[in-house]
């Protein structure tokens, strides 16, 4: 799992909580500008904060990942406190993210959403 969040304390929380559930966590404190970085990491899920304090923001990273065939299918869980930003993304893109977890969040809810996102889609 790849976590992109500029809040180090939240990254530590994700490492503890999701690590206890068996997820291997790679964390970045700013969004990679090049989708090749995400391709190389090959995460099964991307947990992404929309409001990043430095560099590329979450929506821009979503756009770049969506246009790269190697990263477009990675399930994205947005973890944000910005309801308006999520609504704007939904209107603009129809939903590039698999799910949204709003901050502050309940840990059990976070775990349930991540577990659902990590499940491969059934092949019809």
N, C-alpha and C. Protein backbone atom coordinates (compact mmCIF):
# COMPACT_ATOMS: atom_id res chain seq x y z
N UNK A 1 0.84 -1.17 0.00
CA UNK A 1 0.00 0.00 0.00
C UNK A 1 0.89 1.24 0.00
N UNK A 2 0.51 2.20 -0.82
CA UNK A 2 1.21 3.48 -0.86
C UNK A 2 0.35 4.52 -0.15
N UNK A 3 0.95 5.22 0.80
CA UNK A 3 0.28 6.31 1.51
C UNK A 3 0.97 7.60 1.10
N UNK A 4 0.18 8.58 0.63
CA UNK A 4 0.72 9.90 0.30
C UNK A 4 -0.02 10.91 1.18
N UNK A 5 0.69 11.43 2.17
CA UNK A 5 0.12 12.39 3.11
C UNK A 5 1.26 13.24 3.66
N UNK A 6 1.05 14.54 3.77
CA UNK A 6 2.11 15.42 4.27
C UNK A 6 2.15 15.51 5.79
N UNK A 7 1.25 14.81 6.46
CA UNK A 7 1.20 14.82 7.93
C UNK A 7 1.91 13.58 8.46
N UNK A 8 3.11 13.77 9.00
CA UNK A 8 3.92 12.65 9.49
C UNK A 8 3.22 11.87 10.60
N UNK A 9 2.46 12.55 11.46
CA UNK A 9 1.77 11.84 12.54
C UNK A 9 0.69 10.91 11.98
N UNK A 10 0.02 11.34 10.90
CA UNK A 10 -0.96 10.46 10.26
C UNK A 10 -0.27 9.28 9.58
N UNK A 11 0.86 9.52 8.97
CA UNK A 11 1.61 8.42 8.36
C UNK A 11 1.97 7.39 9.43
N UNK A 12 2.41 7.86 10.60
CA UNK A 12 2.73 6.94 11.69
C UNK A 12 1.50 6.15 12.12
N UNK A 13 0.35 6.82 12.18
CA UNK A 13 -0.90 6.14 12.53
C UNK A 13 -1.24 5.08 11.50
N UNK A 14 -1.14 5.45 10.21
CA UNK A 14 -1.43 4.47 9.15
C UNK A 14 -0.49 3.28 9.24
N UNK A 15 0.79 3.54 9.48
CA UNK A 15 1.76 2.45 9.61
C UNK A 15 1.37 1.50 10.74
N UNK A 16 1.00 2.08 11.90
CA UNK A 16 0.63 1.26 13.05
C UNK A 16 -0.65 0.46 12.80
N UNK A 17 -1.70 1.17 12.42
CA UNK A 17 -3.02 0.54 12.30
C UNK A 17 -3.07 -0.42 11.11
N UNK A 18 -2.64 0.04 9.95
CA UNK A 18 -2.70 -0.82 8.76
C UNK A 18 -1.61 -1.89 8.80
N UNK A 19 -0.47 -1.56 9.37
CA UNK A 19 0.59 -2.56 9.53
C UNK A 19 0.16 -3.70 10.42
N UNK A 20 -0.59 -3.39 11.48
CA UNK A 20 -1.11 -4.44 12.37
C UNK A 20 -2.06 -5.38 11.64
N UNK A 21 -2.66 -4.90 10.55
CA UNK A 21 -3.57 -5.73 9.76
C UNK A 21 -2.85 -6.48 8.64
N UNK A 22 -1.52 -6.33 8.57
CA UNK A 22 -0.75 -7.07 7.58
C UNK A 22 -0.41 -6.31 6.31
N UNK A 23 -0.80 -5.04 6.23
CA UNK A 23 -0.47 -4.26 5.04
C UNK A 23 0.98 -3.78 5.12
N UNK A 24 1.70 -3.88 4.01
CA UNK A 24 3.03 -3.30 3.91
C UNK A 24 2.85 -1.86 3.42
N UNK A 25 3.38 -0.92 4.19
CA UNK A 25 3.16 0.49 3.91
C UNK A 25 4.43 1.14 3.36
N UNK A 26 4.28 1.81 2.25
CA UNK A 26 5.29 2.73 1.74
C UNK A 26 4.66 4.10 1.82
N UNK A 27 5.37 5.06 2.40
CA UNK A 27 4.78 6.38 2.61
C UNK A 27 5.62 7.46 1.94
N UNK A 28 4.93 8.43 1.37
CA UNK A 28 5.54 9.61 0.78
C UNK A 28 4.87 10.83 1.39
N UNK A 29 5.65 11.85 1.71
CA UNK A 29 5.07 13.05 2.30
C UNK A 29 4.67 14.09 1.26
N UNK A 30 4.98 13.83 0.00
CA UNK A 30 4.45 14.67 -1.07
C UNK A 30 4.18 13.79 -2.28
N UNK A 31 3.31 14.26 -3.13
CA UNK A 31 2.88 13.46 -4.28
C UNK A 31 4.01 13.35 -5.30
N UNK A 32 4.26 12.15 -5.79
CA UNK A 32 5.28 12.01 -6.83
C UNK A 32 4.80 12.66 -8.12
N UNK A 33 5.64 13.47 -8.72
CA UNK A 33 5.27 14.16 -9.95
C UNK A 33 5.27 13.26 -11.16
N UNK A 34 5.93 12.13 -11.06
CA UNK A 34 6.07 11.22 -12.17
C UNK A 34 5.36 9.90 -11.85
N UNK A 35 4.37 9.50 -12.64
CA UNK A 35 3.68 8.22 -12.39
C UNK A 35 4.63 7.02 -12.39
N UNK A 36 5.81 7.17 -12.96
CA UNK A 36 6.78 6.06 -12.97
C UNK A 36 7.15 5.64 -11.55
N UNK A 37 7.13 6.59 -10.63
CA UNK A 37 7.44 6.25 -9.23
C UNK A 37 6.36 5.34 -8.69
N UNK A 38 5.10 5.67 -8.95
CA UNK A 38 4.00 4.83 -8.49
C UNK A 38 4.03 3.48 -9.21
N UNK A 39 4.32 3.49 -10.50
CA UNK A 39 4.45 2.22 -11.25
C UNK A 39 5.49 1.33 -10.61
N UNK A 40 6.64 1.91 -10.26
CA UNK A 40 7.73 1.13 -9.67
C UNK A 40 7.35 0.55 -8.31
N UNK A 41 6.57 1.29 -7.56
CA UNK A 41 6.14 0.81 -6.25
C UNK A 41 5.04 -0.24 -6.36
N UNK A 42 4.27 -0.18 -7.43
CA UNK A 42 3.19 -1.13 -7.71
C UNK A 42 2.29 -1.40 -6.50
N UNK A 43 1.69 -0.35 -5.93
CA UNK A 43 0.85 -0.57 -4.75
C UNK A 43 -0.46 -1.26 -5.11
N UNK A 44 -0.98 -2.04 -4.16
CA UNK A 44 -2.29 -2.65 -4.36
C UNK A 44 -3.40 -1.64 -4.06
N UNK A 45 -3.09 -0.63 -3.24
CA UNK A 45 -4.02 0.45 -2.89
C UNK A 45 -3.18 1.72 -2.68
N UNK A 46 -3.76 2.85 -3.07
CA UNK A 46 -3.16 4.15 -2.79
C UNK A 46 -4.07 4.89 -1.82
N UNK A 47 -3.55 5.23 -0.65
CA UNK A 47 -4.26 6.04 0.33
C UNK A 47 -3.74 7.46 0.18
N UNK A 48 -4.60 8.38 -0.26
CA UNK A 48 -4.16 9.69 -0.71
C UNK A 48 -4.88 10.83 0.00
N UNK A 49 -4.10 11.74 0.57
CA UNK A 49 -4.63 12.99 1.09
C UNK A 49 -4.78 13.95 -0.09
N UNK A 50 -5.86 14.67 -0.16
CA UNK A 50 -6.05 15.61 -1.27
C UNK A 50 -5.27 16.90 -1.09
N UNK A 51 -5.15 17.36 0.12
CA UNK A 51 -4.49 18.63 0.41
C UNK A 51 -3.08 18.35 0.91
N UNK A 52 -2.13 18.45 0.02
CA UNK A 52 -0.74 18.23 0.38
C UNK A 52 -0.05 19.58 0.44
N UNK A 53 0.75 19.78 1.47
CA UNK A 53 1.34 21.08 1.71
C UNK A 53 2.48 21.46 0.78
N UNK A 54 3.05 20.49 0.10
CA UNK A 54 4.20 20.82 -0.74
C UNK A 54 4.11 20.07 -2.07
N UNK A 55 4.52 20.71 -3.11
CA UNK A 55 4.56 20.05 -4.41
C UNK A 55 3.18 19.84 -5.02
N UNK A 56 3.05 18.73 -5.71
CA UNK A 56 1.84 18.35 -6.42
C UNK A 56 0.71 18.07 -5.43
N UNK A 57 -0.52 18.44 -5.78
CA UNK A 57 -1.65 18.15 -4.89
C UNK A 57 -2.29 16.82 -5.28
N UNK A 58 -3.17 16.34 -4.41
CA UNK A 58 -3.84 15.06 -4.63
C UNK A 58 -4.61 14.96 -5.94
N UNK A 59 -5.45 15.96 -6.28
CA UNK A 59 -6.19 15.87 -7.54
C UNK A 59 -5.26 15.81 -8.77
N UNK A 60 -4.16 16.53 -8.74
CA UNK A 60 -3.22 16.47 -9.86
C UNK A 60 -2.58 15.09 -9.98
N UNK A 61 -2.26 14.50 -8.83
CA UNK A 61 -1.71 13.14 -8.86
C UNK A 61 -2.74 12.16 -9.42
N UNK A 62 -4.00 12.30 -9.00
CA UNK A 62 -5.06 11.44 -9.53
C UNK A 62 -5.14 11.55 -11.05
N UNK A 63 -5.07 12.77 -11.56
CA UNK A 63 -5.12 12.98 -13.01
C UNK A 63 -3.97 12.25 -13.71
N UNK A 64 -2.78 12.39 -13.18
CA UNK A 64 -1.60 11.76 -13.80
C UNK A 64 -1.69 10.24 -13.76
N UNK A 65 -2.18 9.71 -12.65
CA UNK A 65 -2.30 8.25 -12.54
C UNK A 65 -3.38 7.72 -13.48
N UNK A 66 -4.46 8.48 -13.64
CA UNK A 66 -5.57 8.04 -14.49
C UNK A 66 -5.18 7.98 -15.96
N UNK A 67 -4.23 8.80 -16.37
CA UNK A 67 -3.84 8.82 -17.78
C UNK A 67 -2.73 7.84 -18.11
N UNK A 68 -2.19 7.17 -17.11
CA UNK A 68 -1.13 6.18 -17.32
C UNK A 68 -1.76 4.79 -17.22
N UNK A 69 -1.77 4.01 -18.30
CA UNK A 69 -2.40 2.69 -18.27
C UNK A 69 -1.86 1.77 -17.17
N UNK A 70 -0.60 1.96 -16.79
CA UNK A 70 0.00 1.10 -15.77
C UNK A 70 -0.46 1.45 -14.35
N UNK A 71 -1.02 2.64 -14.16
CA UNK A 71 -1.45 3.05 -12.82
C UNK A 71 -2.95 3.33 -12.72
N UNK A 72 -3.62 3.38 -13.84
CA UNK A 72 -5.04 3.77 -13.85
C UNK A 72 -5.93 2.84 -13.04
N UNK A 73 -5.55 1.58 -12.93
CA UNK A 73 -6.41 0.62 -12.23
C UNK A 73 -6.11 0.50 -10.73
N UNK A 74 -5.13 1.24 -10.24
CA UNK A 74 -4.82 1.17 -8.81
C UNK A 74 -5.97 1.78 -8.03
N UNK A 75 -6.56 1.03 -7.09
CA UNK A 75 -7.64 1.60 -6.29
C UNK A 75 -7.11 2.72 -5.40
N UNK A 76 -7.82 3.83 -5.39
CA UNK A 76 -7.42 5.00 -4.61
C UNK A 76 -8.46 5.24 -3.53
N UNK A 77 -7.98 5.37 -2.29
CA UNK A 77 -8.84 5.76 -1.17
C UNK A 77 -8.40 7.17 -0.79
N UNK A 78 -9.30 8.12 -1.00
CA UNK A 78 -9.02 9.48 -0.59
C UNK A 78 -9.26 9.60 0.90
N UNK A 79 -8.32 10.20 1.59
CA UNK A 79 -8.45 10.41 3.02
C UNK A 79 -8.27 11.90 3.25
N UNK A 80 -9.38 12.59 3.47
CA UNK A 80 -9.35 14.04 3.48
C UNK A 80 -10.41 14.61 4.41
N UNK A 81 -10.23 15.84 4.77
CA UNK A 81 -11.24 16.55 5.53
C UNK A 81 -11.99 17.55 4.67
N UNK A 82 -11.67 17.60 3.40
CA UNK A 82 -12.21 18.61 2.50
C UNK A 82 -13.38 18.05 1.68
N UNK A 83 -14.58 18.19 2.20
CA UNK A 83 -15.78 17.66 1.55
C UNK A 83 -16.00 18.35 0.20
N UNK A 84 -15.78 19.66 0.15
CA UNK A 84 -15.99 20.40 -1.11
C UNK A 84 -15.06 19.92 -2.21
N UNK A 85 -13.82 19.63 -1.85
CA UNK A 85 -12.86 19.15 -2.86
C UNK A 85 -13.30 17.80 -3.42
N UNK A 86 -13.79 16.94 -2.55
CA UNK A 86 -14.27 15.62 -3.01
C UNK A 86 -15.47 15.80 -3.93
N UNK A 87 -16.40 16.67 -3.57
CA UNK A 87 -17.56 16.90 -4.42
C UNK A 87 -17.14 17.47 -5.78
N UNK A 88 -16.16 18.36 -5.78
CA UNK A 88 -15.67 18.92 -7.05
C UNK A 88 -15.04 17.82 -7.90
N UNK A 89 -14.30 16.92 -7.28
CA UNK A 89 -13.70 15.80 -8.03
C UNK A 89 -14.78 14.89 -8.60
N UNK A 90 -15.79 14.63 -7.82
CA UNK A 90 -16.88 13.76 -8.30
C UNK A 90 -17.60 14.39 -9.49
N UNK A 91 -17.85 15.69 -9.42
CA UNK A 91 -18.51 16.37 -10.54
C UNK A 91 -17.62 16.37 -11.77
N UNK A 92 -16.34 16.57 -11.57
CA UNK A 92 -15.39 16.69 -12.68
C UNK A 92 -15.10 15.34 -13.33
N UNK A 93 -14.88 14.31 -12.50
CA UNK A 93 -14.38 13.04 -13.01
C UNK A 93 -15.36 11.88 -12.89
N UNK A 94 -16.42 12.07 -12.17
CA UNK A 94 -17.33 10.97 -11.96
C UNK A 94 -16.80 9.96 -10.96
N UNK A 95 -15.67 10.24 -10.36
CA UNK A 95 -15.16 9.37 -9.31
C UNK A 95 -13.94 8.59 -9.72
N UNK A 96 -12.78 9.20 -9.63
CA UNK A 96 -11.53 8.49 -9.89
C UNK A 96 -11.13 7.62 -8.71
N UNK A 97 -11.71 7.89 -7.56
CA UNK A 97 -11.31 7.17 -6.35
C UNK A 97 -12.26 6.00 -6.07
N UNK A 98 -11.71 4.95 -5.51
CA UNK A 98 -12.52 3.79 -5.11
C UNK A 98 -13.41 4.15 -3.93
N UNK A 99 -12.90 5.01 -3.03
CA UNK A 99 -13.64 5.36 -1.82
C UNK A 99 -13.08 6.64 -1.22
N UNK A 100 -13.83 7.18 -0.28
CA UNK A 100 -13.40 8.37 0.45
C UNK A 100 -13.58 8.11 1.93
N UNK A 101 -12.58 8.47 2.71
CA UNK A 101 -12.66 8.44 4.16
C UNK A 101 -12.43 9.88 4.62
N UNK A 102 -13.42 10.43 5.31
CA UNK A 102 -13.30 11.81 5.75
C UNK A 102 -12.64 11.89 7.12
N UNK A 103 -11.71 12.85 7.24
CA UNK A 103 -11.04 13.12 8.51
C UNK A 103 -11.92 14.04 9.33
N UNK A 104 -11.98 13.88 10.62
CA UNK A 104 -11.37 12.80 11.39
C UNK A 104 -12.15 11.51 11.16
N UNK A 105 -11.45 10.40 11.15
CA UNK A 105 -12.09 9.13 10.79
C UNK A 105 -12.04 8.15 11.95
N UNK A 106 -12.94 7.21 11.88
CA UNK A 106 -12.99 6.08 12.80
C UNK A 106 -12.05 5.01 12.25
N UNK A 107 -11.19 4.45 13.09
CA UNK A 107 -10.21 3.47 12.62
C UNK A 107 -10.85 2.23 12.02
N UNK A 108 -11.94 1.76 12.61
CA UNK A 108 -12.62 0.59 12.05
C UNK A 108 -13.17 0.88 10.66
N UNK A 109 -13.68 2.09 10.47
CA UNK A 109 -14.17 2.48 9.14
C UNK A 109 -13.03 2.53 8.14
N UNK A 110 -11.91 3.12 8.53
CA UNK A 110 -10.74 3.16 7.66
C UNK A 110 -10.32 1.76 7.25
N UNK A 111 -10.23 0.86 8.21
CA UNK A 111 -9.82 -0.52 7.91
C UNK A 111 -10.80 -1.20 6.97
N UNK A 112 -12.09 -0.98 7.17
CA UNK A 112 -13.09 -1.60 6.30
C UNK A 112 -12.99 -1.07 4.87
N UNK A 113 -12.80 0.23 4.73
CA UNK A 113 -12.70 0.83 3.40
C UNK A 113 -11.45 0.34 2.68
N UNK A 114 -10.33 0.30 3.39
CA UNK A 114 -9.08 -0.16 2.77
C UNK A 114 -9.19 -1.63 2.39
N UNK A 115 -9.78 -2.44 3.24
CA UNK A 115 -9.94 -3.86 2.93
C UNK A 115 -10.78 -4.06 1.68
N UNK A 116 -11.84 -3.29 1.54
CA UNK A 116 -12.69 -3.37 0.35
C UNK A 116 -11.92 -2.94 -0.89
N UNK A 117 -11.18 -1.85 -0.79
CA UNK A 117 -10.41 -1.36 -1.93
C UNK A 117 -9.32 -2.34 -2.35
N UNK A 118 -8.77 -3.06 -1.39
CA UNK A 118 -7.67 -3.99 -1.67
C UNK A 118 -8.14 -5.28 -2.32
N UNK A 119 -9.45 -5.52 -2.31
CA UNK A 119 -9.98 -6.75 -2.92
C UNK A 119 -9.97 -6.61 -4.42
N UNK A 120 -9.43 -7.58 -5.13
CA UNK A 120 -9.46 -7.49 -6.59
C UNK A 120 -10.89 -7.58 -7.11
N UNK A 121 -11.12 -6.87 -8.20
CA UNK A 121 -12.43 -6.90 -8.85
C UNK A 121 -12.65 -8.30 -9.44
N UNK A 122 -13.85 -8.87 -9.27
CA UNK A 122 -14.11 -10.16 -9.89
C UNK A 122 -14.11 -10.05 -11.42
N UNK A 123 -13.61 -11.07 -12.03
CA UNK A 123 -13.57 -11.11 -13.49
C UNK A 123 -14.85 -11.75 -13.98
N UNK A 124 -15.56 -11.05 -14.87
CA UNK A 124 -16.85 -11.57 -15.35
C UNK A 124 -16.66 -12.54 -16.49
